[in-house]
Amino acid sequence: MEDNFALLNLPDEILHMTVMGGMARVLLLRTTGMTRKAAQIHQPSDTATAALGRLMTATAMLGCMMKGEDNSVTVTVAGNGPAGKITCVANGTKIKIAPQNPQIELPLKKDGHLDVGGYIGNEGRLTVIKDLGLKEPYVGQCQLVSGELGEDFANYYLVSEQKPSVVALGALVNNGLCLSSGGALIQPLPGCPDDVLDQLEVRAMFFTSISREVAEEPLEDLAKAWFEGMDLQILEKEPVSYQCDCSREKMEKALIALGRQDLQQLIDEDEGAELTCHFCRTSHQFTK
């Protein structure tokens, strides 16, 4: 029993790899811990927890590929489901998320799985904003395909970045507890031949139970089994975590940005202000 418990608490991390002599990039992630932390902060339903886990995993994939120290990526999902708007930010491998309607629950689908697609909605927009430290950020957008998020991010990579990709995202949630969360990304690099693409597509079948797989095995062992015979090269492993970088100073700047008239109104009507961070729910009090 103790061994099983330990397996469910393997560390959150990202494994960077290449296959076939560098012809394709592979990322493998375990994100159970940060999904649990998001659940502690936002108190979401099981369906919302699964959606948050998947979105944080996909955002971590984008964030870990941006190597600039001050680079960040903000992902917004706004569908026609009851979730409303969900915003996720990655500063490197530090992730935070802000859901609009986290308490809403939906009935299970006919196959017994959580209805993440119904929660997000299959119509709407996925927006990715990359701050590369330049004057203008990069903005990529695409329409939602299913709301299940794996297909939606694959569509984003194809439409906005012209990178055909295999994206697998999963979160195993039961009775308010995230048992496991994780994902995988495979991207062929320029010059990758068709026969390698065919082999990669076959390997994608391993990812159908990605959340359960990453709970039970070290990521390196999974990768070696899944990409056997494909010249797997493990390049780097790095931790990933839920971290909010809000502070009283940042809140103060947000207040100042309101302008003198609105600040005076807060002083006159409320005799001060209370600001709450959407990402970590920390509140800061400001007296008049």
Protein backbone atom coordinates (compact mmCIF):
# COMPACT_ATOMS: atom_id res chain seq x y z
CA MET A 1 0.00 0.00 0.00
CA GLU A 2 2.85 2.37 0.84
CA ASP A 3 4.50 1.68 -2.52
CA ASN A 4 1.28 2.55 -4.37
CA PHE A 5 0.96 5.77 -2.41
CA ALA A 6 4.54 6.72 -3.26
CA LEU A 7 3.92 6.07 -6.94
CA LEU A 8 1.02 8.51 -6.88
CA ASN A 9 3.39 11.21 -5.61
CA LEU A 10 6.15 11.11 -8.20
CA PRO A 11 7.54 14.63 -8.81
CA ASP A 12 6.13 17.09 -11.32
CA GLU A 13 8.62 17.41 -14.16
CA ILE A 14 9.19 17.88 -17.87
CA LEU A 15 11.35 15.49 -19.89
CA HIS A 16 12.89 16.96 -23.07
CA MET A 17 13.86 14.44 -25.76
CA THR A 18 14.53 13.92 -29.44
CA VAL A 19 14.07 10.82 -31.60
CA MET A 20 15.49 9.61 -34.92
CA GLY A 21 18.65 11.68 -34.80
CA GLY A 22 16.86 14.88 -33.86
CA MET A 23 14.16 14.63 -36.52
CA ALA A 24 11.40 15.13 -33.92
CA ARG A 25 11.00 16.80 -30.56
CA VAL A 26 9.28 14.97 -27.70
CA LEU A 27 8.09 16.40 -24.37
CA LEU A 28 6.70 14.22 -21.59
CA LEU A 29 5.17 15.85 -18.51
CA ARG A 30 3.83 14.91 -15.10
CA THR A 31 1.74 17.72 -13.56
CA THR A 32 -0.15 16.02 -10.71
CA GLY A 33 1.18 18.24 -7.93
CA MET A 34 0.36 21.53 -9.60
CA THR A 35 -3.11 20.31 -10.54
CA ARG A 36 -3.69 19.44 -6.89
CA LYS A 37 -2.49 22.90 -5.85
CA ALA A 38 -4.80 24.58 -8.38
CA ALA A 39 -7.65 22.51 -6.90
CA GLN A 40 -6.77 23.66 -3.37
CA ILE A 41 -6.79 27.30 -4.46
CA HIS A 42 -9.87 27.38 -6.71
CA GLN A 43 -12.00 24.56 -5.19
CA PRO A 44 -13.16 23.32 -8.62
CA SER A 45 -15.54 20.51 -9.50
CA ASP A 46 -14.03 17.24 -10.74
CA THR A 47 -14.69 18.19 -14.37
CA ALA A 48 -13.16 21.63 -13.89
CA THR A 49 -10.13 20.10 -12.13
CA ALA A 50 -9.54 17.85 -15.15
CA ALA A 51 -9.84 20.86 -17.47
CA LEU A 52 -7.41 22.92 -15.36
CA GLY A 53 -4.91 20.06 -15.27
CA ARG A 54 -5.00 19.64 -19.03
CA LEU A 55 -4.69 23.37 -19.70
CA MET A 56 -1.80 23.82 -17.27
CA THR A 57 0.01 20.87 -18.86
CA ALA A 58 -0.41 22.32 -22.36
CA THR A 59 0.69 25.77 -21.18
CA ALA A 60 3.75 24.24 -19.50
CA MET A 61 4.68 22.70 -22.86
CA LEU A 62 4.66 26.14 -24.44
CA GLY A 63 6.45 27.77 -21.52
CA CYS A 64 9.33 25.30 -21.32
CA MET A 65 10.18 25.88 -24.99
CA MET A 66 10.72 29.62 -24.32
CA LYS A 67 14.23 29.85 -22.92
CA GLY A 68 14.51 33.62 -22.33
CA GLU A 69 14.73 34.48 -18.64
CA ASP A 70 11.92 37.05 -18.82
CA ASN A 71 9.83 35.28 -21.47
CA SER A 72 6.30 34.24 -20.63
CA VAL A 73 3.27 32.77 -22.36
CA THR A 74 -0.39 33.44 -21.58
CA VAL A 75 -3.04 31.01 -22.85
CA THR A 76 -6.72 31.88 -22.81
CA VAL A 77 -9.51 29.42 -23.57
CA ALA A 78 -12.95 30.95 -24.10
CA GLY A 79 -15.57 28.46 -25.28
CA ASN A 80 -19.34 28.30 -25.38
CA GLY A 81 -19.52 25.91 -22.41
CA PRO A 82 -20.25 26.83 -18.78
CA ALA A 83 -16.52 27.17 -17.97
CA GLY A 84 -16.47 30.69 -19.40
CA LYS A 85 -12.95 32.07 -19.76
CA ILE A 86 -9.87 30.31 -18.34
CA THR A 87 -6.47 32.02 -18.32
CA CYS A 88 -3.20 30.18 -17.74
CA VAL A 89 0.28 31.74 -17.56
CA ALA A 90 3.71 30.11 -17.76
CA ASN A 91 6.87 31.94 -16.73
CA GLY A 92 9.28 29.24 -17.81
CA THR A 93 8.23 26.22 -15.75
CA LYS A 94 6.27 28.23 -13.17
CA ILE A 95 2.57 27.91 -13.94
CA LYS A 96 -0.56 29.66 -12.62
CA ILE A 97 -4.22 29.52 -13.69
CA ALA A 98 -7.39 31.56 -13.21
CA PRO A 99 -10.76 29.91 -14.02
CA GLN A 100 -13.96 31.93 -14.35
CA ASN A 101 -16.51 29.29 -13.26
CA PRO A 102 -14.61 26.48 -11.49
CA GLN A 103 -17.45 25.13 -9.34
CA ILE A 104 -19.71 24.01 -12.19
CA GLU A 105 -20.07 20.24 -12.54
CA LEU A 106 -21.40 18.25 -15.51
CA PRO A 107 -22.74 14.69 -15.72
CA LEU A 108 -20.27 12.02 -16.81
CA LYS A 109 -20.18 11.12 -20.49
CA LYS A 110 -21.64 7.82 -21.66
CA ASP A 111 -18.20 6.20 -21.49
CA GLY A 112 -17.88 7.21 -17.82
CA HIS A 113 -15.27 9.91 -18.41
CA LEU A 114 -15.44 13.52 -17.22
CA ASP A 115 -17.00 15.81 -19.82
CA VAL A 116 -14.20 18.34 -20.25
CA GLY A 117 -15.37 19.12 -23.80
CA GLY A 118 -18.86 19.93 -22.55
CA TYR A 119 -17.42 22.10 -19.78
CA ILE A 120 -15.18 24.11 -22.14
CA GLY A 121 -17.46 24.00 -25.19
CA ASN A 122 -16.63 23.06 -28.79
CA GLU A 123 -17.06 26.57 -30.18
CA GLY A 124 -14.90 29.49 -29.19
CA ARG A 125 -11.28 30.55 -29.31
CA LEU A 126 -7.88 29.45 -28.05
CA THR A 127 -5.46 32.38 -27.77
CA VAL A 128 -1.71 32.17 -27.11
CA ILE A 129 0.26 35.33 -26.28
CA LYS A 130 4.04 34.93 -26.14
CA ASP A 131 6.00 37.75 -24.49
CA LEU A 132 9.51 37.41 -25.87
CA GLY A 133 10.78 40.68 -24.41
CA LEU A 134 10.25 42.50 -27.70
CA LYS A 135 8.13 45.60 -28.31
CA GLU A 136 5.14 43.57 -29.44
CA PRO A 137 4.17 40.11 -28.18
CA TYR A 138 3.42 37.24 -30.54
CA VAL A 139 -0.30 36.47 -30.65
CA GLY A 140 -1.65 33.23 -32.12
CA GLN A 141 -5.31 32.25 -32.26
CA CYS A 142 -7.42 29.39 -33.50
CA GLN A 143 -10.95 28.10 -33.18
CA LEU A 144 -11.72 25.40 -30.64
CA VAL A 145 -12.20 21.97 -32.19
CA SER A 146 -13.68 19.87 -29.39
CA GLY A 147 -13.04 21.59 -26.06
CA GLU A 148 -11.17 18.46 -24.90
CA LEU A 149 -8.01 20.62 -25.20
CA GLY A 150 -5.61 17.99 -26.61
CA GLU A 151 -7.16 18.28 -30.08
CA ASP A 152 -7.48 22.04 -29.64
CA PHE A 153 -3.77 22.53 -28.94
CA ALA A 154 -2.85 20.24 -31.84
CA ASN A 155 -5.00 22.48 -34.01
CA TYR A 156 -3.27 25.58 -32.58
CA TYR A 157 0.20 24.25 -33.41
CA LEU A 158 -0.91 23.39 -36.96
CA VAL A 159 -2.84 26.59 -37.71
CA SER A 160 -0.82 29.24 -35.86
CA GLU A 161 2.71 27.80 -35.82
CA GLN A 162 2.54 25.52 -38.90
CA LYS A 163 3.81 22.59 -36.82
CA PRO A 164 1.85 19.34 -37.19
CA SER A 165 1.85 17.92 -33.66
CA VAL A 166 0.59 15.06 -31.56
CA VAL A 167 -0.74 16.45 -28.25
CA ALA A 168 -1.95 14.19 -25.45
CA LEU A 169 -3.38 15.69 -22.25
CA GLY A 170 -5.01 13.89 -19.35
CA ALA A 171 -6.04 14.30 -15.72
CA LEU A 172 -7.42 11.50 -13.57
CA VAL A 173 -9.79 13.02 -10.99
CA ASN A 174 -12.12 11.32 -8.52
CA ASN A 175 -14.17 12.76 -5.65
CA GLY A 176 -12.30 16.04 -5.54
CA LEU A 177 -8.79 14.57 -5.73
CA CYS A 178 -6.47 14.68 -8.71
CA LEU A 179 -4.91 11.22 -8.74
CA SER A 180 -2.68 11.99 -11.70
CA SER A 181 -2.15 14.56 -14.45
CA GLY A 182 0.23 14.81 -17.37
CA GLY A 183 0.76 15.00 -21.09
CA ALA A 184 2.96 14.45 -24.11
CA LEU A 185 3.90 16.47 -27.17
CA ILE A 186 5.51 15.15 -30.36
CA GLN A 187 6.60 17.60 -33.05
CA PRO A 188 8.46 16.62 -36.24
CA LEU A 189 11.20 19.13 -37.02
CA PRO A 190 11.97 20.54 -40.50
CA GLY A 191 13.09 17.82 -42.90
CA CYS A 192 11.45 14.96 -41.01
CA PRO A 193 10.63 12.27 -43.63
CA ASP A 194 7.20 10.69 -44.03
CA ASP A 195 8.27 7.26 -42.77
CA VAL A 196 9.35 8.77 -39.44
CA LEU A 197 6.04 10.62 -39.24
CA ASP A 198 4.26 7.30 -39.71
CA GLN A 199 6.25 5.74 -36.86
CA LEU A 200 5.48 8.69 -34.59
CA GLU A 201 1.76 8.42 -35.31
CA VAL A 202 1.84 4.75 -34.32
CA ARG A 203 3.56 5.67 -31.03
CA ALA A 204 0.76 8.18 -30.33
CA MET A 205 -1.51 5.26 -29.42
CA PHE A 206 0.52 4.83 -26.23
CA PHE A 207 -0.79 8.18 -24.98
CA THR A 208 -4.48 7.29 -24.77
CA SER A 209 -4.15 6.73 -21.00
CA ILE A 210 -1.43 9.32 -20.43
CA SER A 211 -2.60 10.41 -16.97
CA ARG A 212 -2.63 6.86 -15.61
CA GLU A 213 0.74 6.05 -17.21
CA VAL A 214 2.63 9.01 -15.69
CA ALA A 215 1.28 8.16 -12.23
CA GLU A 216 2.79 4.69 -12.22
CA GLU A 217 6.17 4.97 -13.95
CA PRO A 218 9.19 7.31 -14.02
CA LEU A 219 9.04 9.42 -17.19
CA GLU A 220 12.38 8.09 -18.46
CA ASP A 221 11.12 4.49 -18.26
CA LEU A 222 7.95 5.37 -20.16
CA ALA A 223 9.89 7.18 -22.86
CA LYS A 224 12.35 4.31 -23.35
CA ALA A 225 9.49 1.83 -23.73
CA TRP A 226 7.36 4.02 -26.01
CA PHE A 227 10.18 5.08 -28.35
CA GLU A 228 12.19 1.86 -28.41
CA GLY A 229 14.15 1.53 -31.65
CA MET A 230 13.77 5.23 -32.50
CA ASP A 231 17.17 6.51 -31.30
CA LEU A 232 15.70 8.23 -28.24
CA GLN A 233 17.95 10.93 -26.78
CA ILE A 234 17.02 12.37 -23.36
CA LEU A 235 18.26 15.96 -23.36
CA GLU A 236 17.05 17.47 -20.12
CA LYS A 237 14.70 17.01 -17.18
CA GLU A 238 13.38 20.00 -15.26
CA PRO A 239 10.83 20.50 -12.47
CA VAL A 240 7.52 22.24 -13.12
CA SER A 241 5.31 23.76 -10.44
CA TYR A 242 2.34 25.98 -9.64
CA GLN A 243 3.70 29.37 -8.56
CA CYS A 244 2.05 32.78 -8.52
CA ASP A 245 4.28 35.84 -8.70
CA CYS A 246 1.74 38.36 -7.38
CA SER A 247 2.79 40.79 -4.63
CA ARG A 248 1.48 43.75 -2.69
CA GLU A 249 3.69 46.00 -4.84
CA LYS A 250 2.08 44.73 -8.06
CA MET A 251 -1.39 45.22 -6.57
CA GLU A 252 -0.40 48.74 -5.59
CA LYS A 253 0.64 49.52 -9.16
CA ALA A 254 -2.72 48.18 -10.38
CA LEU A 255 -4.51 50.54 -8.00
CA ILE A 256 -2.43 53.50 -9.11
CA ALA A 257 -3.26 52.68 -12.73
CA LEU A 258 -6.95 53.33 -11.97
CA GLY A 259 -6.27 57.07 -11.89
CA ARG A 260 -6.94 59.77 -9.32
CA GLN A 261 -10.70 59.99 -9.87
CA ASP A 262 -11.42 56.27 -9.36
CA LEU A 263 -9.06 56.11 -6.39
CA GLN A 264 -10.84 59.04 -4.75
CA GLN A 265 -14.16 57.26 -5.31
CA LEU A 266 -12.80 54.14 -3.55
CA ILE A 267 -11.66 56.32 -0.63
CA ASP A 268 -14.98 58.16 -0.38
CA GLU A 269 -17.28 55.14 -0.77
CA ASP A 270 -15.30 52.24 0.69
CA GLU A 271 -12.63 53.98 2.77
CA GLY A 272 -10.03 51.78 1.11
CA ALA A 273 -9.78 48.76 -1.18
CA GLU A 274 -9.30 45.00 -1.12
CA LEU A 275 -7.66 43.37 -4.14
CA THR A 276 -7.65 39.60 -4.63
CA CYS A 277 -5.32 37.81 -7.04
CA HIS A 278 -7.26 35.71 -9.56
CA PHE A 279 -4.45 33.14 -9.71
CA CYS A 280 -3.71 32.41 -6.02
CA ARG A 281 -6.72 34.03 -4.26
CA THR A 282 -4.42 36.05 -1.97
CA SER A 283 -6.06 39.29 -0.79
CA HIS A 284 -4.32 42.59 -0.08
CA GLN A 285 -5.92 45.38 1.96
CA PHE A 286 -5.29 49.03 1.22
CA THR A 287 -6.45 51.72 3.65
CA LYS A 288 -7.46 55.18 2.49
